[in-house]
Amino acid sequence: MEQKKKALGRGLEQLFSDEVLDFDSFESNIVESTPESDIKQLPISEIRPNPYQPRRTFNEESLEELASSIKNYGVFQPIIVKKSIKGYDLVAGERRLRASKLAGLTEIPAIIKEFSEEEMREIALLENLQRENLTAIELAWAYKGIIDSLHIRQEDLAEKIGKSRSHVTNTLGLLRLPKDVQDMILKNEISMGHARTLSKLEDDTKIEEYAKKTVQENLSVRDLEDLVSTPNVAKKVPITRKPKINDYSYIENNLRELLGTKVKINDRKVEIYFDSSNDLNRILEILNIKIN
């Protein structure tokens, strides 16, 4: 185990013992501690995607942009793989691998490390949590995977990823929704706000009915709340509707859930908190803001 810790540099043991998880530091330390001679050019055809990858969908436009960059400048940072019985299993760098395939590359620079199956799962989850704009359902799978792997409480996870406990709790609650409704979230047909409202209903049949109605009639979250707030619709917990007074707490809460970070509104200002440049880029992508 000591030899493995040295090979990983600031490895998983340190990563998970930190107060806040930081995948970027973990991966950059592996790259920086790996001699140039140990970075191999591996055939892309021999690399299998990480089976623990929580992401089910990838932004095609973003992949095309990365593929174009790779065509012009090459792969900026090597991917990380582990040797398997046949070929290699991808540990980190799925977007780079997919974009390299789109760019027509047959080989890709890679660092070969030894990881257990559990470590591969944890690394894949962390990379996606901190680098990718996962759908709400993919995020829920990722949160559940980390809680199960590390045997921690929801509040512990919230602290480690720098999010509110309510954000983690509400996100995990989506996994109790019917499969058809989860698929709608996965396809971005309904938003996190819609899903959070639906998750408060008691009857799965009603949840599916209102989810379909939301898509068909392009209902806003407020429209859906109005629709399901009638007494004849059974609920697990009360649905809090937007106050009509000049109170921004409702908007703050919705923005927190949408962006997965702390938001404050006061003095005619909206303050959005972020903890790293990657976190800022994640927020900008959610808001559909492109910086040229």
Protein backbone atom coordinates (compact mmCIF):
# COMPACT_ATOMS: atom_id res chain seq x y z
CA MET A 1 0.00 0.00 0.00
CA GLU A 2 2.86 2.38 0.78
CA GLN A 3 4.34 1.79 -2.66
CA LYS A 4 0.96 2.55 -4.22
CA LYS A 5 0.63 5.81 -2.29
CA LYS A 6 4.00 6.94 -3.59
CA ALA A 7 3.03 6.03 -7.15
CA LEU A 8 -0.13 8.11 -6.93
CA GLY A 9 1.53 11.11 -5.30
CA ARG A 10 -1.31 12.93 -3.55
CA GLY A 11 -3.53 9.88 -3.95
CA LEU A 12 -7.06 8.83 -3.21
CA GLU A 13 -6.40 8.44 0.49
CA GLN A 14 -5.47 12.11 0.76
CA LEU A 15 -8.15 13.18 -1.69
CA PHE A 16 -10.98 11.67 0.31
CA SER A 17 -9.62 12.78 3.67
CA ASP A 18 -9.60 16.43 2.60
CA GLU A 19 -12.37 18.67 3.89
CA VAL A 20 -13.41 19.51 0.29
CA LEU A 21 -12.88 17.11 -2.61
CA ASP A 22 -10.61 18.47 -5.34
CA PHE A 23 -10.30 16.25 -8.39
CA ASP A 24 -8.17 18.76 -10.32
CA SER A 25 -5.38 18.68 -7.74
CA PHE A 26 -5.55 14.89 -7.61
CA GLU A 27 -5.22 14.43 -11.38
CA SER A 28 -2.64 17.20 -11.88
CA ASN A 29 -0.45 15.64 -9.18
CA ILE A 30 -0.53 12.30 -10.98
CA VAL A 31 0.38 13.99 -14.26
CA GLU A 32 3.12 16.16 -12.75
CA SER A 33 4.66 13.26 -10.84
CA THR A 34 4.77 11.03 -13.92
CA PRO A 35 8.02 11.20 -15.91
CA GLU A 36 7.62 12.06 -19.59
CA SER A 37 9.05 8.66 -20.47
CA ASP A 38 6.15 6.96 -18.63
CA ILE A 39 3.48 8.65 -20.77
CA LYS A 40 2.62 6.13 -23.47
CA GLN A 41 0.86 6.47 -26.82
CA LEU A 42 -1.87 3.84 -26.62
CA PRO A 43 -4.17 2.63 -29.42
CA ILE A 44 -7.60 4.15 -28.86
CA SER A 45 -9.20 0.91 -30.04
CA GLU A 46 -7.71 -0.89 -27.01
CA ILE A 47 -9.21 1.48 -24.42
CA ARG A 48 -12.55 0.59 -22.87
CA PRO A 49 -14.69 3.35 -21.27
CA ASN A 50 -14.88 3.34 -17.50
CA PRO A 51 -17.82 1.07 -16.61
CA TYR A 52 -18.50 3.25 -13.56
CA GLN A 53 -18.96 6.41 -15.59
CA PRO A 54 -22.18 8.04 -14.28
CA ARG A 55 -22.67 10.23 -17.35
CA ARG A 56 -25.09 8.78 -19.89
CA THR A 57 -25.20 11.73 -22.28
CA PHE A 58 -22.42 13.97 -23.62
CA ASN A 59 -22.80 17.45 -25.11
CA GLU A 60 -22.10 16.86 -28.79
CA GLU A 61 -21.33 20.51 -29.55
CA SER A 62 -18.81 20.63 -26.70
CA LEU A 63 -17.19 17.39 -27.92
CA GLU A 64 -16.94 18.76 -31.47
CA GLU A 65 -15.22 21.90 -30.15
CA LEU A 66 -12.75 19.78 -28.18
CA ALA A 67 -12.19 17.53 -31.21
CA SER A 68 -11.39 20.60 -33.32
CA SER A 69 -8.88 21.78 -30.71
CA ILE A 70 -7.29 18.32 -30.61
CA LYS A 71 -6.95 18.31 -34.40
CA ASN A 72 -5.09 21.60 -34.24
CA TYR A 73 -3.05 21.24 -31.07
CA GLY A 74 -3.19 17.59 -30.02
CA VAL A 75 -4.30 16.19 -26.66
CA PHE A 76 -3.18 18.70 -24.05
CA GLN A 77 -3.29 16.36 -21.05
CA PRO A 78 -2.87 12.57 -21.06
CA ILE A 79 -5.75 10.37 -19.99
CA ILE A 80 -5.33 7.92 -17.12
CA VAL A 81 -5.93 4.20 -17.64
CA LYS A 82 -5.39 0.88 -15.88
CA LYS A 83 -4.21 -2.32 -17.55
CA SER A 84 -6.96 -4.90 -17.90
CA ILE A 85 -6.97 -8.51 -19.05
CA LYS A 86 -7.50 -7.31 -22.60
CA GLY A 87 -6.37 -3.78 -23.39
CA TYR A 88 -7.00 -0.93 -20.96
CA ASP A 89 -9.82 0.47 -18.83
CA LEU A 90 -10.26 4.24 -18.83
CA VAL A 91 -9.97 5.79 -15.38
CA ALA A 92 -10.14 9.54 -16.13
CA GLY A 93 -10.49 11.61 -19.28
CA GLU A 94 -13.57 10.31 -21.09
CA ARG A 95 -14.26 13.59 -22.94
CA ARG A 96 -10.67 13.66 -24.22
CA LEU A 97 -10.99 10.06 -25.38
CA ARG A 98 -14.32 10.63 -27.15
CA ALA A 99 -13.13 13.88 -28.74
CA SER A 100 -9.92 12.19 -29.93
CA LYS A 101 -12.03 9.55 -31.68
CA LEU A 102 -14.08 12.32 -33.33
CA ALA A 103 -10.84 14.00 -34.40
CA GLY A 104 -9.80 10.80 -36.17
CA LEU A 105 -6.88 9.96 -33.88
CA THR A 106 -5.85 6.32 -33.59
CA GLU A 107 -3.60 6.84 -30.53
CA ILE A 108 -3.79 8.96 -27.41
CA PRO A 109 -1.23 9.86 -24.70
CA ALA A 110 -1.96 7.95 -21.51
CA ILE A 111 -0.62 7.32 -18.02
CA ILE A 112 -0.98 3.71 -16.87
CA LYS A 113 -1.69 3.28 -13.16
CA GLU A 114 -2.91 0.51 -10.91
CA PHE A 115 -6.36 1.10 -9.42
CA SER A 116 -8.88 -1.16 -7.73
CA GLU A 117 -12.42 -1.40 -9.06
CA GLU A 118 -13.66 0.68 -6.11
CA GLU A 119 -11.09 3.39 -6.78
CA MET A 120 -12.06 3.51 -10.46
CA ARG A 121 -15.67 4.08 -9.47
CA GLU A 122 -14.77 6.86 -7.03
CA ILE A 123 -12.48 8.64 -9.49
CA ALA A 124 -15.09 8.55 -12.27
CA LEU A 125 -17.70 10.00 -9.93
CA LEU A 126 -15.43 12.78 -8.73
CA GLU A 127 -14.30 13.76 -12.22
CA ASN A 128 -17.89 14.18 -13.32
CA LEU A 129 -18.98 16.01 -10.18
CA GLN A 130 -16.30 18.67 -10.58
CA ARG A 131 -15.80 18.85 -14.33
CA GLU A 132 -19.02 18.01 -16.11
CA ASN A 133 -22.49 19.53 -16.29
CA LEU A 134 -24.35 16.36 -15.36
CA THR A 135 -28.12 16.15 -15.66
CA ALA A 136 -29.93 16.10 -12.33
CA ILE A 137 -30.42 12.33 -12.51
CA GLU A 138 -26.77 11.65 -13.40
CA LEU A 139 -25.82 13.89 -10.49
CA ALA A 140 -28.11 11.87 -8.20
CA TRP A 141 -26.45 8.62 -9.33
CA ALA A 142 -23.04 10.18 -8.69
CA TYR A 143 -24.00 11.39 -5.21
CA LYS A 144 -25.44 7.99 -4.28
CA GLY A 145 -22.33 6.26 -5.61
CA ILE A 146 -20.02 8.35 -3.42
CA ILE A 147 -22.23 7.98 -0.32
CA ASP A 148 -22.33 4.20 -0.82
CA SER A 149 -18.61 3.92 -1.58
CA LEU A 150 -17.38 6.08 1.28
CA HIS A 151 -20.14 5.12 3.73
CA ILE A 152 -20.79 8.76 4.61
CA ARG A 153 -23.93 10.74 5.43
CA GLN A 154 -25.65 13.20 3.11
CA GLU A 155 -24.46 16.14 5.21
CA ASP A 156 -20.86 14.84 5.00
CA LEU A 157 -21.08 14.72 1.20
CA ALA A 158 -22.59 18.21 1.08
CA GLU A 159 -19.64 19.54 3.08
CA LYS A 160 -17.06 17.71 0.96
CA ILE A 161 -18.42 18.97 -2.38
CA GLY A 162 -19.16 22.47 -1.08
CA LYS A 163 -22.94 22.30 -1.67
CA SER A 164 -25.93 22.76 0.62
CA ARG A 165 -27.43 19.76 2.40
CA SER A 166 -30.84 20.54 0.88
CA HIS A 167 -29.29 20.41 -2.60
CA VAL A 168 -27.88 16.93 -1.94
CA THR A 169 -31.10 15.71 -0.30
CA ASN A 170 -33.35 17.04 -3.07
CA THR A 171 -31.08 15.63 -5.77
CA LEU A 172 -31.03 12.16 -4.18
CA GLY A 173 -34.82 12.35 -3.86
CA LEU A 174 -35.07 12.25 -7.66
CA LEU A 175 -34.00 8.59 -7.60
CA ARG A 176 -37.39 7.76 -6.06
CA LEU A 177 -39.22 9.08 -9.11
CA PRO A 178 -40.70 6.60 -11.63
CA LYS A 179 -38.25 5.40 -14.30
CA ASP A 180 -40.10 7.20 -17.13
CA VAL A 181 -39.84 10.50 -15.27
CA GLN A 182 -36.15 9.93 -14.54
CA ASP A 183 -35.63 9.43 -18.29
CA MET A 184 -37.33 12.79 -18.95
CA ILE A 185 -34.86 14.46 -16.58
CA LEU A 186 -31.98 12.60 -18.22
CA LYS A 187 -33.06 13.96 -21.61
CA ASN A 188 -33.49 17.49 -20.15
CA GLU A 189 -37.20 17.42 -21.03
CA ILE A 190 -38.06 18.57 -17.51
CA SER A 191 -35.88 20.65 -15.21
CA MET A 192 -34.59 20.10 -11.70
CA GLY A 193 -37.29 22.49 -10.46
CA HIS A 194 -40.04 20.46 -12.12
CA ALA A 195 -38.55 17.22 -10.82
CA ARG A 196 -38.29 18.57 -7.26
CA THR A 197 -41.99 19.48 -7.33
CA LEU A 198 -42.98 16.07 -8.73
CA SER A 199 -40.87 14.25 -6.13
CA LYS A 200 -43.13 15.64 -3.39
CA LEU A 201 -46.20 13.83 -4.77
CA GLU A 202 -47.37 10.56 -3.28
CA ASP A 203 -48.83 8.71 -6.29
CA ASP A 204 -46.43 7.49 -9.01
CA THR A 205 -49.27 7.46 -11.55
CA LYS A 206 -49.98 11.13 -10.85
CA ILE A 207 -46.27 11.94 -11.02
CA GLU A 208 -46.04 10.41 -14.52
CA GLU A 209 -49.26 12.16 -15.57
CA TYR A 210 -48.07 15.60 -14.48
CA ALA A 211 -44.58 15.04 -15.92
CA LYS A 212 -46.08 14.29 -19.36
CA LYS A 213 -48.38 17.29 -19.05
CA THR A 214 -45.39 19.48 -18.20
CA VAL A 215 -43.60 18.42 -21.39
CA GLN A 216 -46.67 18.54 -23.64
CA GLU A 217 -47.85 21.96 -22.46
CA ASN A 218 -44.37 23.41 -21.74
CA LEU A 219 -45.37 24.26 -18.17
CA SER A 220 -43.12 26.45 -16.04
CA VAL A 221 -42.19 25.30 -12.53
CA ARG A 222 -44.70 27.81 -11.11
CA ASP A 223 -47.41 26.47 -13.47
CA LEU A 224 -46.72 22.93 -12.26
CA GLU A 225 -46.76 24.01 -8.60
CA ASP A 226 -50.14 25.68 -9.13
CA LEU A 227 -51.44 22.56 -10.83
CA VAL A 228 -50.45 20.09 -8.09
CA SER A 229 -51.11 22.33 -5.08
CA THR A 230 -54.82 21.45 -4.96
CA PRO A 231 -55.93 19.46 -1.88
CA ASN A 232 -57.05 16.45 -3.97
CA VAL A 233 -53.45 15.71 -5.06
CA ALA A 234 -51.78 13.56 -2.37
CA LYS A 235 -48.33 14.78 -1.29
CA LYS A 236 -45.45 13.33 0.74
CA VAL A 237 -44.48 16.84 1.85
CA PRO A 238 -46.20 20.23 1.38
CA ILE A 239 -45.34 22.18 -1.77
CA THR A 240 -44.07 25.68 -1.06
CA ARG A 241 -45.29 28.08 -3.70
CA LYS A 242 -43.64 31.32 -4.73
CA PRO A 243 -44.65 34.13 -2.35
CA LYS A 244 -46.32 37.15 -3.90
CA ILE A 245 -44.55 39.58 -1.56
CA ASN A 246 -41.13 41.06 -2.27
CA ASP A 247 -39.28 38.05 -0.86
CA TYR A 248 -36.33 36.66 -2.81
CA SER A 249 -35.81 33.51 -0.74
CA TYR A 250 -37.86 31.45 -3.19
CA ILE A 251 -35.69 32.61 -6.09
CA GLU A 252 -32.50 32.05 -4.07
CA ASN A 253 -33.57 28.48 -3.27
CA ASN A 254 -34.40 27.72 -6.89
CA LEU A 255 -31.11 29.16 -8.10
CA ARG A 256 -29.23 27.14 -5.48
CA GLU A 257 -30.86 23.96 -6.74
CA LEU A 258 -30.26 24.86 -10.39
CA LEU A 259 -26.62 25.87 -9.94
CA GLY A 260 -25.68 23.61 -7.04
CA THR A 261 -24.03 26.43 -5.13
CA LYS A 262 -24.78 29.26 -2.69
CA VAL A 263 -26.78 32.19 -4.10
CA LYS A 264 -27.70 35.45 -2.35
CA ILE A 265 -29.99 38.22 -3.60
CA ASN A 266 -29.85 41.61 -1.90
CA ASP A 267 -29.47 45.29 -2.72
CA ARG A 268 -30.62 44.59 -6.28
CA LYS A 269 -27.67 42.23 -6.75
CA VAL A 270 -27.45 38.50 -7.39
CA GLU A 271 -24.35 36.91 -5.81
CA ILE A 272 -23.36 33.46 -7.08
CA TYR A 273 -20.58 31.68 -5.21
CA PHE A 274 -17.99 29.37 -6.81
CA ASP A 275 -14.93 27.59 -5.41
CA SER A 276 -12.69 27.17 -8.47
CA SER A 277 -12.33 28.15 -12.12
CA ASN A 278 -13.78 24.79 -13.12
CA ASP A 279 -16.76 25.37 -10.84
CA LEU A 280 -17.26 28.80 -12.45
CA ASN A 281 -17.15 27.25 -15.93
CA ARG A 282 -19.72 24.68 -14.80
CA ILE A 283 -22.05 27.46 -13.61
CA LEU A 284 -21.58 29.46 -16.83
CA GLU A 285 -22.44 26.37 -18.88
CA ILE A 286 -25.65 25.83 -16.88
CA LEU A 287 -26.55 29.50 -17.50
CA ASN A 288 -25.67 29.04 -21.20
CA ILE A 289 -23.09 31.85 -21.03
CA LYS A 290 -20.21 31.45 -23.48
CA ILE A 291 -16.96 33.35 -22.93
CA ASN A 292 -15.03 33.93 -26.16
